Amino acid sequence: MKFRHGAATIAIAAAALLVLSGCGASGAVPAGAAKTTLNLSVQAPTADLSVGNFTGGDPSIFLAVFDRLVTQGVDGALEPGIAESWEYTAGNTVLTFHIRDGQTFSDGEALNADAVVQSIEVARTGAASAAQLSAIESVAASDESTVVITLSRPDGALIYQLAGTNGVIAAPKTLGTEASKLDPIGSGPYVLDQAGSTVGSVYLLKKNPDHWNAAAYKFESVKVAVIADPTAVQNALKTGQLDFGTLSSPDLLSQFPESDFHSGTSNPSAVGGLFIVDRKGLVVPALADIRVRQAINLAIDRDTIVSKLTPGVGTPTSQMASPIGEAYDESLTEEYAYNVDKAKQLMADAGYADGFSLTMPSTVLSQTFDATIAQQLSDIGITVNYETVPFQDLYAKLYAGAYGMFWLYNGYGGSDAKDMTQILAGSFNPQGTTTPELEALLATANSASLDDQGAAYGAVNKYYVDNAWFAPVTAATGIWVASNAIDYTSPVVYGESILAWQPAN
């Protein structure tokens, strides 16, 4: 299926390319010279860069400007950030961070324990971060270099939440101000250069020489263009205006000769599929029956969907856990092997031999799959009626519980704890569904040490599969292409760090 891009989208893409051209953004580097500017792109402009309000999309700009107490490296491992060390105590209910000395925000304001506390307090009530930080009971500075976070319950995902967009630390005087939405002041490795940026078109990041780890960041500047049209991204890459881009199909690789480019496949970045959120049957009564949810899983031909609709950029999956995580269980891969006859029998056993109908939203993320999903579900008597929903309106409807089931992607968070718990919040679980068995499994996993989390969250993953809480279809990957002027290491979590890109040796 081909997508139609409106005039506004094309205008943004064209404007971004003009800005890049005008700024001399060519990827060409003189022989023997190290590349000093990295040219990247994002699909949509960053709407809000303030603490607690990052609503999704590419976090590259956000996490380049702001540092966090801890970070995730390119390999996904937790690494020091603002804090040089940390430890859990009291049965994983007290998390203590030790702040490195001598840090400042990019405006010169001191970055101490009190500044950290102020940002976390704001994030605890932020529209986009409150749910993920709900286990925090209190946060306090016991001295200028120590932050103590007390939890109301163990939460294995909390430290990973603090390592990402929900844990950014901003200059205290900017917190809650209107200006912070587009003029953020952090202590990250880069500073947003307002003079070189055009809101909604291109963002210029300049290296922060005062960052505690500045030596690791080799690029003096990073230009991030907003280019919604994938074809425009590919053209900008071919002409040297971008140093990196992703392709929608491996067939496009032939346009990028090895003399100028290198390429590869990214780590799994998200799980896409049907989120069966109406497990109480409040919107679609049939979905309260586990047999119906299992029938839906059995009716989906994952292999065909992935090979035909997303060739080269996905792997069939029936699990919410990342294929590269410890919670992923290879033995579960055949639990919902495509089987229409078995699905029909389950539908009959549940009292739905004649099927039922439901409404699902059709969005830019689902349109590639809508017709095929509808056809496969119709084979077991389920009629899908699609309601076209602009993507900007989708989450309000999902949070309100407007649909019993919908297609969406959920980005992998680089940890089993994050992946297995974030799907119980917000739009992924608007009814707040849980069970005593699941709560017991989560309690065990959340109390486990970081070294033992994988196996413990594996039991949670198995519960989701056995009870058909979701109907995953694809573990989305991607094909990336980079200029030979840079080296690229596919990170476990895309956009977490500019360190994934380095000047070529």
Protein backbone atom coordinates (compact mmCIF):
# COMPACT_ATOMS: atom_id res chain seq x y z
CA MET A 1 0.00 0.00 0.00
CA LYS A 2 1.33 3.44 -0.91
CA PHE A 3 0.97 6.39 1.41
CA ARG A 4 -0.11 9.82 0.27
CA HIS A 5 1.89 12.67 1.76
CA GLY A 6 0.07 15.96 2.08
CA ALA A 7 1.35 19.33 0.93
CA ALA A 8 2.36 20.32 4.46
CA THR A 9 4.55 17.24 4.82
CA ILE A 10 6.25 17.85 1.49
CA ALA A 11 6.78 21.50 2.40
CA ILE A 12 8.47 20.60 5.67
CA ALA A 13 10.74 18.12 3.88
CA ALA A 14 11.64 20.66 1.22
CA ALA A 15 12.29 23.38 3.78
CA ALA A 16 14.57 21.08 5.75
CA LEU A 17 16.58 20.23 2.66
CA LEU A 18 16.90 23.90 1.77
CA VAL A 19 18.13 24.71 5.26
CA LEU A 20 20.65 21.90 5.08
CA SER A 21 21.86 23.05 1.70
CA GLY A 22 22.11 26.63 2.84
CA CYS A 23 24.15 25.62 5.88
CA GLY A 24 26.65 23.70 3.79
CA ALA A 25 25.54 20.33 5.13
CA SER A 26 27.28 18.23 2.51
CA GLY A 27 28.66 14.99 3.90
CA ALA A 28 31.88 15.34 1.90
CA VAL A 29 35.01 15.40 4.06
CA PRO A 30 38.46 16.32 2.73
CA ALA A 31 40.87 13.39 2.55
CA GLY A 32 42.52 12.76 5.90
CA ALA A 33 40.19 15.13 7.78
CA ALA A 34 37.88 13.97 10.57
CA LYS A 35 34.20 14.73 10.14
CA THR A 36 33.05 17.40 12.62
CA THR A 37 29.33 17.73 11.85
CA LEU A 38 26.86 14.85 11.98
CA ASN A 39 23.74 15.26 9.83
CA LEU A 40 20.66 13.32 10.94
CA SER A 41 16.91 13.52 10.35
CA VAL A 42 13.68 12.87 12.25
CA GLN A 43 10.21 12.32 10.85
CA ALA A 44 8.36 14.83 13.00
CA PRO A 45 9.30 18.07 14.76
CA THR A 46 9.88 18.03 18.48
CA ALA A 47 6.80 19.62 20.03
CA ASP A 48 7.90 19.92 23.66
CA LEU A 49 11.39 19.66 25.13
CA SER A 50 10.41 20.27 28.75
CA VAL A 51 10.75 17.85 31.66
CA GLY A 52 7.85 15.42 31.97
CA ASN A 53 6.34 16.24 28.61
CA PHE A 54 8.18 14.15 26.03
CA THR A 55 5.26 12.44 24.30
CA GLY A 56 7.10 10.09 21.96
CA GLY A 57 8.96 9.89 18.70
CA ASP A 58 12.68 10.18 18.12
CA PRO A 59 14.38 11.22 21.41
CA SER A 60 17.77 12.07 19.88
CA ILE A 61 17.54 15.85 20.38
CA PHE A 62 15.93 15.53 23.82
CA LEU A 63 18.58 13.16 25.16
CA ALA A 64 21.48 15.03 23.59
CA VAL A 65 20.54 18.23 25.41
CA PHE A 66 19.70 16.63 28.75
CA ASP A 67 21.77 14.30 30.88
CA ARG A 68 20.26 11.78 33.29
CA LEU A 69 21.40 10.27 36.58
CA VAL A 70 22.30 7.11 34.69
CA THR A 71 22.25 6.33 30.99
CA GLN A 72 22.03 3.29 28.75
CA GLY A 73 25.05 2.66 26.57
CA VAL A 74 24.89 1.65 22.94
CA ASP A 75 24.81 -1.97 24.15
CA GLY A 76 21.88 -1.23 26.49
CA ALA A 77 23.91 -1.56 29.70
CA LEU A 78 23.41 0.96 32.50
CA GLU A 79 26.25 3.47 32.67
CA PRO A 80 27.09 6.44 34.89
CA GLY A 81 25.65 9.83 33.99
CA ILE A 82 25.13 12.71 36.36
CA ALA A 83 25.57 10.09 39.07
CA GLU A 84 28.91 8.32 39.15
CA SER A 85 27.51 5.43 41.22
CA TRP A 86 24.25 4.12 42.68
CA GLU A 87 22.89 1.30 44.79
CA TYR A 88 19.60 -0.31 45.83
CA THR A 89 18.93 -1.09 49.49
CA ALA A 90 16.00 -2.00 51.76
CA GLY A 91 14.66 -4.73 49.51
CA ASN A 92 14.92 -2.63 46.34
CA THR A 93 12.78 0.16 47.84
CA VAL A 94 15.56 2.72 48.35
CA LEU A 95 17.69 3.86 45.41
CA THR A 96 20.64 6.10 46.23
CA PHE A 97 22.62 8.09 43.65
CA HIS A 98 26.01 9.68 44.23
CA ILE A 99 26.37 12.84 42.12
CA ARG A 100 29.74 13.60 40.56
CA ASP A 101 31.25 16.92 41.65
CA GLY A 102 31.76 20.06 39.58
CA GLN A 103 28.90 19.73 37.11
CA THR A 104 26.95 22.68 35.75
CA PHE A 105 24.05 23.24 33.40
CA SER A 106 24.84 24.84 30.07
CA ASP A 107 23.83 28.26 31.45
CA GLY A 108 26.37 27.95 34.26
CA GLU A 109 23.91 27.07 37.03
CA ALA A 110 25.23 24.49 39.49
CA LEU A 111 24.09 20.90 39.01
CA ASN A 112 23.86 19.43 42.50
CA ALA A 113 21.61 17.01 44.33
CA ASP A 114 18.96 19.66 44.96
CA ALA A 115 18.73 20.44 41.23
CA VAL A 116 18.26 16.74 40.51
CA VAL A 117 15.48 16.49 43.08
CA GLN A 118 13.62 19.43 41.54
CA SER A 119 13.56 17.84 38.07
CA ILE A 120 12.42 14.46 39.36
CA GLU A 121 9.65 16.11 41.37
CA VAL A 122 8.39 17.79 38.19
CA ALA A 123 8.65 14.53 36.22
CA ARG A 124 6.61 12.72 38.88
CA THR A 125 3.59 14.82 37.86
CA GLY A 126 4.44 15.24 34.17
CA ALA A 127 1.80 14.33 31.63
CA ALA A 128 4.13 11.93 29.86
CA SER A 129 6.18 10.63 32.78
CA ALA A 130 4.00 10.37 35.89
CA ALA A 131 2.74 6.84 35.22
CA GLN A 132 6.25 5.48 34.68
CA LEU A 133 7.53 7.06 37.92
CA SER A 134 4.51 6.18 40.06
CA ALA A 135 6.51 3.90 42.36
CA ILE A 136 8.45 6.89 43.72
CA GLU A 137 7.19 7.79 47.20
CA SER A 138 9.72 10.54 47.87
CA VAL A 139 12.94 12.01 46.52
CA ALA A 140 15.36 13.97 48.66
CA ALA A 141 18.89 15.37 48.72
CA SER A 142 20.63 14.07 51.84
CA ASP A 143 23.58 16.34 51.01
CA GLU A 144 24.87 18.28 48.00
CA SER A 145 26.03 15.14 46.20
CA THR A 146 23.54 12.45 47.28
CA VAL A 147 20.00 11.84 46.05
CA VAL A 148 17.82 9.28 47.81
CA ILE A 149 14.71 7.96 46.08
CA THR A 150 12.31 6.00 48.28
CA LEU A 151 9.83 3.71 46.53
CA SER A 152 6.39 2.69 47.73
CA ARG A 153 7.02 -0.71 46.16
CA PRO A 154 9.90 -2.38 44.33
CA ASP A 155 9.97 -1.39 40.66
CA GLY A 156 12.60 -3.10 38.53
CA ALA A 157 11.97 -0.74 35.62
CA LEU A 158 12.44 2.50 37.53
CA ILE A 159 16.17 2.87 37.02
CA TYR A 160 15.70 2.30 33.29
CA GLN A 161 12.92 4.91 33.23
CA LEU A 162 15.30 7.35 34.90
CA ALA A 163 17.93 6.50 32.26
CA GLY A 164 15.61 7.65 29.46
CA THR A 165 13.29 10.52 28.60
CA ASN A 166 11.44 10.30 31.92
CA GLY A 167 14.61 10.99 33.93
CA VAL A 168 16.10 14.07 32.25
CA ILE A 169 17.51 16.76 34.52
CA ALA A 170 16.99 20.43 33.59
CA ALA A 171 18.18 23.70 35.05
CA PRO A 172 15.83 24.44 38.01
CA LYS A 173 14.98 27.98 36.91
CA THR A 174 13.54 26.64 33.62
CA LEU A 175 11.23 24.04 35.14
CA GLY A 176 7.59 24.69 34.32
CA THR A 177 8.33 27.69 32.12
CA GLU A 178 6.83 28.19 28.70
CA ALA A 179 10.29 28.87 27.24
CA SER A 180 11.56 25.42 28.27
CA LYS A 181 9.34 23.76 25.66
CA LEU A 182 11.58 24.91 22.81
CA ASP A 183 14.61 26.38 24.59
CA PRO A 184 15.79 23.65 26.97
CA ILE A 185 18.69 24.15 29.38
CA GLY A 186 20.32 20.89 30.39
CA SER A 187 23.76 19.49 31.11
CA GLY A 188 23.95 17.02 28.25
CA PRO A 189 26.77 16.58 25.74
CA TYR A 190 25.15 19.09 23.36
CA VAL A 191 23.38 22.45 23.59
CA LEU A 192 20.50 23.46 21.33
CA ASP A 193 21.71 26.41 19.23
CA GLN A 194 18.69 28.66 18.77
CA ALA A 195 20.34 30.87 16.13
CA GLY A 196 21.08 27.88 13.93
CA SER A 197 17.70 26.19 14.44
CA THR A 198 14.31 26.68 12.81
CA VAL A 199 11.42 25.24 14.81
CA GLY A 200 9.73 22.44 12.90
CA SER A 201 12.44 22.33 10.23
CA VAL A 202 16.00 21.89 11.50
CA TYR A 203 17.68 21.77 14.90
CA LEU A 204 21.37 22.56 15.42
CA LEU A 205 23.18 21.05 18.39
CA LYS A 206 26.58 22.40 19.44
CA LYS A 207 28.97 20.37 21.58
CA ASN A 208 28.97 21.21 25.30
CA PRO A 209 32.65 21.40 26.26
CA ASP A 210 31.77 21.33 29.96
CA HIS A 211 30.01 17.97 29.85
CA TRP A 212 31.69 15.49 32.19
CA ASN A 213 32.29 13.07 29.30
CA ALA A 214 32.85 15.60 26.50
CA ALA A 215 35.92 13.78 25.16
CA ALA A 216 33.74 10.82 24.08
CA TYR A 217 31.63 13.01 21.78
CA LYS A 218 33.70 13.54 18.65
CA PHE A 219 31.28 15.66 16.61
CA GLU A 220 31.47 19.40 17.23
CA SER A 221 27.91 19.81 16.01
CA VAL A 222 24.87 17.76 15.07
CA LYS A 223 22.22 18.96 12.60
CA VAL A 224 18.84 17.27 12.82
CA ALA A 225 16.47 17.97 9.94
CA VAL A 226 12.73 17.29 10.07
CA ILE A 227 11.98 15.24 6.95
CA ALA A 228 8.72 13.30 7.02
CA ASP A 229 8.91 11.79 3.54
CA PRO A 230 11.12 8.65 3.42
CA THR A 231 11.95 9.32 -0.23
CA ALA A 232 13.22 12.77 0.69
CA VAL A 233 15.42 11.21 3.37
CA GLN A 234 16.90 8.81 0.84
CA ASN A 235 17.55 11.60 -1.64
CA ALA A 236 19.23 13.73 1.03
CA LEU A 237 21.41 10.78 1.98
CA LYS A 238 22.42 10.14 -1.62
CA THR A 239 23.38 13.78 -2.16
CA GLY A 240 25.45 14.00 1.04
CA GLN A 241 23.04 16.28 2.93
CA LEU A 242 22.46 13.52 5.47
CA ASP A 243 24.99 11.09 6.91
CA PHE A 244 22.50 8.46 8.02
CA GLY A 245 19.05 7.18 7.13
CA THR A 246 16.80 4.16 7.19
CA LEU A 247 15.19 2.35 4.27
CA SER A 248 11.73 0.88 4.01
CA SER A 249 12.88 -2.05 1.87
CA PRO A 250 16.12 -3.92 1.16
CA ASP A 251 15.40 -3.38 -2.54
CA LEU A 252 16.50 0.24 -2.09
CA LEU A 253 20.05 -0.71 -1.05
CA SER A 254 21.15 -0.85 -4.68
CA GLN A 255 20.87 2.95 -4.79
CA PHE A 256 23.71 3.31 -2.28
CA PRO A 257 27.03 2.07 -3.71
CA GLU A 258 29.61 0.60 -1.34
CA SER A 259 32.15 3.13 -2.55
CA ASP A 260 30.23 5.84 -0.66
CA PHE A 261 28.02 4.03 1.86
CA HIS A 262 27.80 1.11 4.24
CA SER A 263 24.65 -0.47 5.63
CA GLY A 264 23.25 -2.96 8.10
CA THR A 265 20.20 -4.19 9.98
CA SER A 266 19.25 -2.53 13.23
CA ASN A 267 18.44 -4.29 16.47
CA PRO A 268 14.72 -4.89 17.06
CA SER A 269 13.28 -1.49 17.94
CA ALA A 270 9.59 -2.11 18.61
CA VAL A 271 6.90 -4.74 18.75
CA GLY A 272 3.93 -4.22 16.45
CA GLY A 273 0.63 -6.00 16.65
CA LEU A 274 -2.85 -6.04 18.13
CA PHE A 275 -3.21 -4.72 21.66
CA ILE A 276 -6.22 -6.55 23.11
CA VAL A 277 -6.94 -4.10 25.92
CA ASP A 278 -10.60 -4.88 26.62
CA ARG A 279 -9.93 -7.90 28.82
CA LYS A 280 -12.95 -7.02 30.96
CA GLY A 281 -15.27 -7.00 27.96
CA LEU A 282 -16.53 -3.47 28.59
CA VAL A 283 -16.35 -2.41 24.93
CA VAL A 284 -16.33 -5.78 23.14
CA PRO A 285 -17.75 -8.43 25.51
CA ALA A 286 -16.19 -11.32 23.57
CA LEU A 287 -12.66 -10.11 24.36
CA ALA A 288 -13.12 -10.94 28.04
CA ASP A 289 -12.95 -14.63 27.11
CA ILE A 290 -9.41 -16.01 26.97
CA ARG A 291 -10.48 -18.46 24.25
CA VAL A 292 -11.46 -15.59 21.96
CA ARG A 293 -8.16 -13.83 22.55
CA GLN A 294 -6.30 -17.07 21.86
CA ALA A 295 -8.36 -17.58 18.69
CA ILE A 296 -7.33 -14.11 17.48
CA ASN A 297 -3.68 -15.04 17.99
CA LEU A 298 -4.09 -18.31 16.11
CA ALA A 299 -5.90 -16.61 13.20
CA ILE A 300 -2.99 -14.28 12.45
CA ASP A 301 -0.54 -15.54 9.85
CA ARG A 302 2.51 -13.74 11.19
CA ASP A 303 4.98 -15.21 8.72
CA THR A 304 2.98 -14.03 5.72
CA ILE A 305 2.28 -10.58 7.16
CA VAL A 306 5.95 -9.92 7.89
CA SER A 307 7.31 -11.36 4.65
CA LYS A 308 4.76 -9.64 2.41
CA LEU A 309 4.04 -6.35 4.16
CA THR A 310 7.33 -5.55 5.88
CA PRO A 311 9.99 -7.48 3.93
CA GLY A 312 13.44 -7.21 5.47
CA VAL A 313 12.37 -4.97 8.33
CA GLY A 314 10.73 -7.31 10.80
CA THR A 315 10.70 -10.72 12.44
CA PRO A 316 7.49 -12.64 13.24
CA THR A 317 6.81 -12.82 16.97
CA SER A 318 4.04 -13.83 19.36
CA GLN A 319 5.78 -12.35 22.41
CA MET A 320 5.92 -8.84 23.83
CA ALA A 321 9.48 -9.38 25.06
CA SER A 322 12.32 -8.22 22.84
CA PRO A 323 13.96 -11.06 20.89
CA ILE A 324 17.34 -9.89 22.21
CA GLY A 325 16.19 -9.71 25.84
CA GLU A 326 16.58 -12.38 28.50
CA ALA A 327 12.81 -12.59 29.07
CA TYR A 328 12.25 -13.81 25.50
CA ASP A 329 11.47 -17.54 25.41
CA GLU A 330 12.20 -19.40 22.19
CA SER A 331 9.98 -22.28 23.32
CA LEU A 332 6.92 -20.00 23.09
CA THR A 333 7.35 -19.19 19.41
CA GLU A 334 5.01 -21.96 18.23
CA GLU A 335 2.31 -21.49 20.86
CA TYR A 336 0.22 -19.47 18.40
CA ALA A 337 1.34 -20.97 15.11
CA TYR A 338 -1.16 -20.06 12.39
CA ASN A 339 -4.12 -22.46 12.74
CA VAL A 340 -7.56 -21.31 11.54
CA ASP A 341 -9.32 -24.59 12.39
CA LYS A 342 -8.12 -24.48 15.99
CA ALA A 343 -9.11 -20.81 16.20
CA LYS A 344 -12.62 -21.56 14.93
CA GLN A 345 -13.01 -24.31 17.53
CA LEU A 346 -12.00 -21.94 20.33
CA MET A 347 -14.50 -19.36 19.04
CA ALA A 348 -17.24 -22.01 19.10
CA ASP A 349 -16.25 -23.19 22.57
CA ALA A 350 -16.53 -19.60 23.78
CA GLY A 351 -20.03 -19.27 22.32
CA TYR A 352 -19.05 -17.21 19.28
CA ALA A 353 -19.36 -19.74 16.46
CA ASP A 354 -21.16 -17.07 14.44
CA GLY A 355 -18.50 -14.48 15.26
CA PHE A 356 -18.93 -10.86 16.30
CA SER A 357 -17.93 -7.42 15.10
CA LEU A 358 -15.67 -4.73 16.55
CA THR A 359 -14.33 -1.32 15.63
CA MET A 360 -10.63 -0.53 15.38
CA PRO A 361 -8.85 2.74 14.57
CA SER A 362 -7.07 3.07 11.25
CA THR A 363 -3.99 5.26 11.53
CA VAL A 364 -0.80 5.96 9.64
CA LEU A 365 0.83 3.19 11.69
CA SER A 366 -1.81 0.56 10.95
CA GLN A 367 -2.81 1.22 7.33
CA THR A 368 -0.22 -1.15 5.91
CA PHE A 369 -1.79 -3.97 7.92
CA ASP A 370 -5.49 -3.05 8.12
CA ALA A 371 -6.80 -5.01 5.15
CA THR A 372 -4.80 -8.15 5.90
CA ILE A 373 -5.71 -8.18 9.60
CA ALA A 374 -9.38 -7.71 8.74
CA GLN A 375 -9.26 -10.55 6.21
CA GLN A 376 -7.53 -12.98 8.56
CA LEU A 377 -9.90 -12.23 11.43
CA SER A 378 -12.90 -12.58 9.11
CA ASP A 379 -11.79 -16.18 8.51
CA ILE A 380 -12.88 -16.95 12.09
CA GLY A 381 -16.02 -14.82 11.99
CA ILE A 382 -14.71 -11.54 13.42
CA THR A 383 -15.78 -8.50 11.40
CA VAL A 384 -13.49 -5.49 11.75
CA ASN A 385 -14.92 -2.04 11.07
CA TYR A 386 -12.21 0.59 10.71
CA GLU A 387 -12.55 4.17 11.90
CA THR A 388 -10.04 6.57 10.37
CA VAL A 389 -8.29 8.50 13.14
CA PRO A 390 -5.62 11.20 12.65
CA PHE A 391 -2.56 10.11 14.58
CA GLN A 392 -2.56 13.25 16.72
CA ASP A 393 -6.02 12.27 17.99
CA LEU A 394 -5.28 8.59 18.56
CA TYR A 395 -3.86 8.59 22.08
CA ALA A 396 -6.74 10.59 23.54
CA LYS A 397 -9.11 7.94 22.23
CA LEU A 398 -6.94 5.07 23.47
CA TYR A 399 -6.58 6.57 26.95
CA ALA A 400 -10.35 6.99 27.04
CA GLY A 401 -10.80 3.29 26.25
CA ALA A 402 -12.66 3.89 22.98
CA TYR A 403 -11.52 0.60 21.41
CA GLY A 404 -11.33 -2.95 22.63
CA MET A 405 -8.43 -3.76 20.33
CA PHE A 406 -6.11 -1.79 18.05
CA TRP A 407 -2.89 -2.02 16.04
CA LEU A 408 0.06 -0.13 17.43
CA TYR A 409 3.81 -0.30 17.94
CA ASN A 410 5.48 -0.22 21.33
CA GLY A 411 9.16 0.65 21.36
CA TYR A 412 11.50 -1.72 23.15
CA GLY A 413 13.05 0.01 26.14
CA GLY A 414 16.36 -1.81 26.30
CA SER A 415 15.44 -3.75 29.43
CA ASP A 416 13.08 -6.63 30.19
CA ALA A 417 11.79 -4.74 33.22
CA LYS A 418 10.76 -1.75 31.13
CA ASP A 419 9.30 -3.81 28.30
CA MET A 420 7.23 -6.07 30.55
CA THR A 421 5.78 -3.31 32.72
CA GLN A 422 5.19 -0.32 30.45
CA ILE A 423 2.55 -2.30 28.54
CA LEU A 424 0.43 -2.31 31.69
CA ALA A 425 0.06 1.47 31.73
CA GLY A 426 -1.66 4.21 29.80
CA SER A 427 -3.08 3.44 26.37
CA PHE A 428 -1.89 -0.17 26.53
CA ASN A 429 -4.08 -0.94 29.54
CA PRO A 430 -6.74 1.80 29.86
CA GLN A 431 -8.96 -0.42 32.03
CA GLY A 432 -6.13 -1.14 34.47
CA THR A 433 -6.58 -4.88 34.03
CA THR A 434 -4.62 -7.16 36.33
CA THR A 435 -4.93 -10.49 38.13
CA PRO A 436 -3.58 -11.87 41.41
CA GLU A 437 -1.36 -14.28 39.47
CA LEU A 438 0.14 -11.50 37.38
CA GLU A 439 0.64 -9.28 40.44
CA ALA A 440 2.55 -12.10 42.16
CA LEU A 441 4.79 -12.59 39.13
CA LEU A 442 5.44 -8.84 38.90
CA ALA A 443 6.22 -8.60 42.60
CA THR A 444 8.85 -11.31 42.26
CA ALA A 445 10.36 -9.72 39.16
CA ASN A 446 10.39 -6.19 40.57
CA SER A 447 12.17 -7.39 43.70
CA ALA A 448 14.85 -9.27 41.78
CA SER A 449 18.37 -7.93 41.49
CA LEU A 450 19.42 -6.39 38.19
CA ASP A 451 21.38 -9.57 37.43
CA ASP A 452 18.34 -11.81 38.01
CA GLN A 453 15.66 -9.70 36.34
CA GLY A 454 15.71 -11.51 32.99
CA ALA A 455 14.42 -14.85 34.21
CA ALA A 456 11.91 -13.24 36.56
CA TYR A 457 10.39 -11.07 33.83
CA GLY A 458 10.46 -14.10 31.56
CA ALA A 459 7.70 -15.56 33.75
CA VAL A 460 5.70 -12.35 33.21
CA ASN A 461 6.21 -12.61 29.46
CA LYS A 462 4.95 -16.21 29.52
CA TYR A 463 1.85 -15.10 31.41
CA TYR A 464 1.04 -12.57 28.70
CA VAL A 465 1.46 -15.22 26.00
CA ASP A 466 -0.48 -17.97 27.77
CA ASN A 467 -3.38 -15.65 28.55
CA ALA A 468 -3.33 -13.93 25.15
CA TRP A 469 -3.27 -10.44 26.64
CA PHE A 470 -1.85 -9.24 23.34
CA ALA A 471 -1.52 -10.47 19.78
CA PRO A 472 2.01 -9.43 18.74
CA VAL A 473 2.87 -9.81 15.08
CA THR A 474 6.29 -8.35 14.30
CA ALA A 475 9.48 -7.39 16.07
CA ALA A 476 10.32 -4.41 13.91
CA THR A 477 13.87 -3.94 12.74
CA GLY A 478 15.23 -1.58 10.12
CA ILE A 479 17.74 -1.26 7.34
CA TRP A 480 20.15 1.60 7.89
CA VAL A 481 22.53 3.27 5.49
CA ALA A 482 25.41 5.53 6.52
CA SER A 483 27.96 7.63 4.73
CA ASN A 484 31.44 6.13 4.75
CA ALA A 485 32.49 9.29 6.60
CA ILE A 486 30.92 7.91 9.78
CA ASP A 487 30.83 4.67 11.71
CA TYR A 488 27.53 3.49 13.15
CA THR A 489 26.76 0.88 15.79
CA SER A 490 23.11 -0.13 15.97
CA PRO A 491 22.09 0.59 19.58
CA VAL A 492 19.81 -1.52 21.71
CA VAL A 493 17.64 1.60 22.19
CA TYR A 494 17.60 3.95 19.20
CA GLY A 495 18.14 7.63 19.92
CA GLU A 496 19.46 7.16 23.46
CA SER A 497 22.93 8.45 22.61
CA ILE A 498 24.78 10.31 19.86
CA LEU A 499 27.65 7.91 20.68
CA ALA A 500 26.06 5.39 18.29
CA TRP A 501 27.54 7.59 15.54
CA GLN A 502 31.27 8.25 15.35
CA PRO A 503 33.56 9.81 12.73
CA ALA A 504 35.06 7.10 10.54
CA ASN A 505 38.61 6.11 11.42
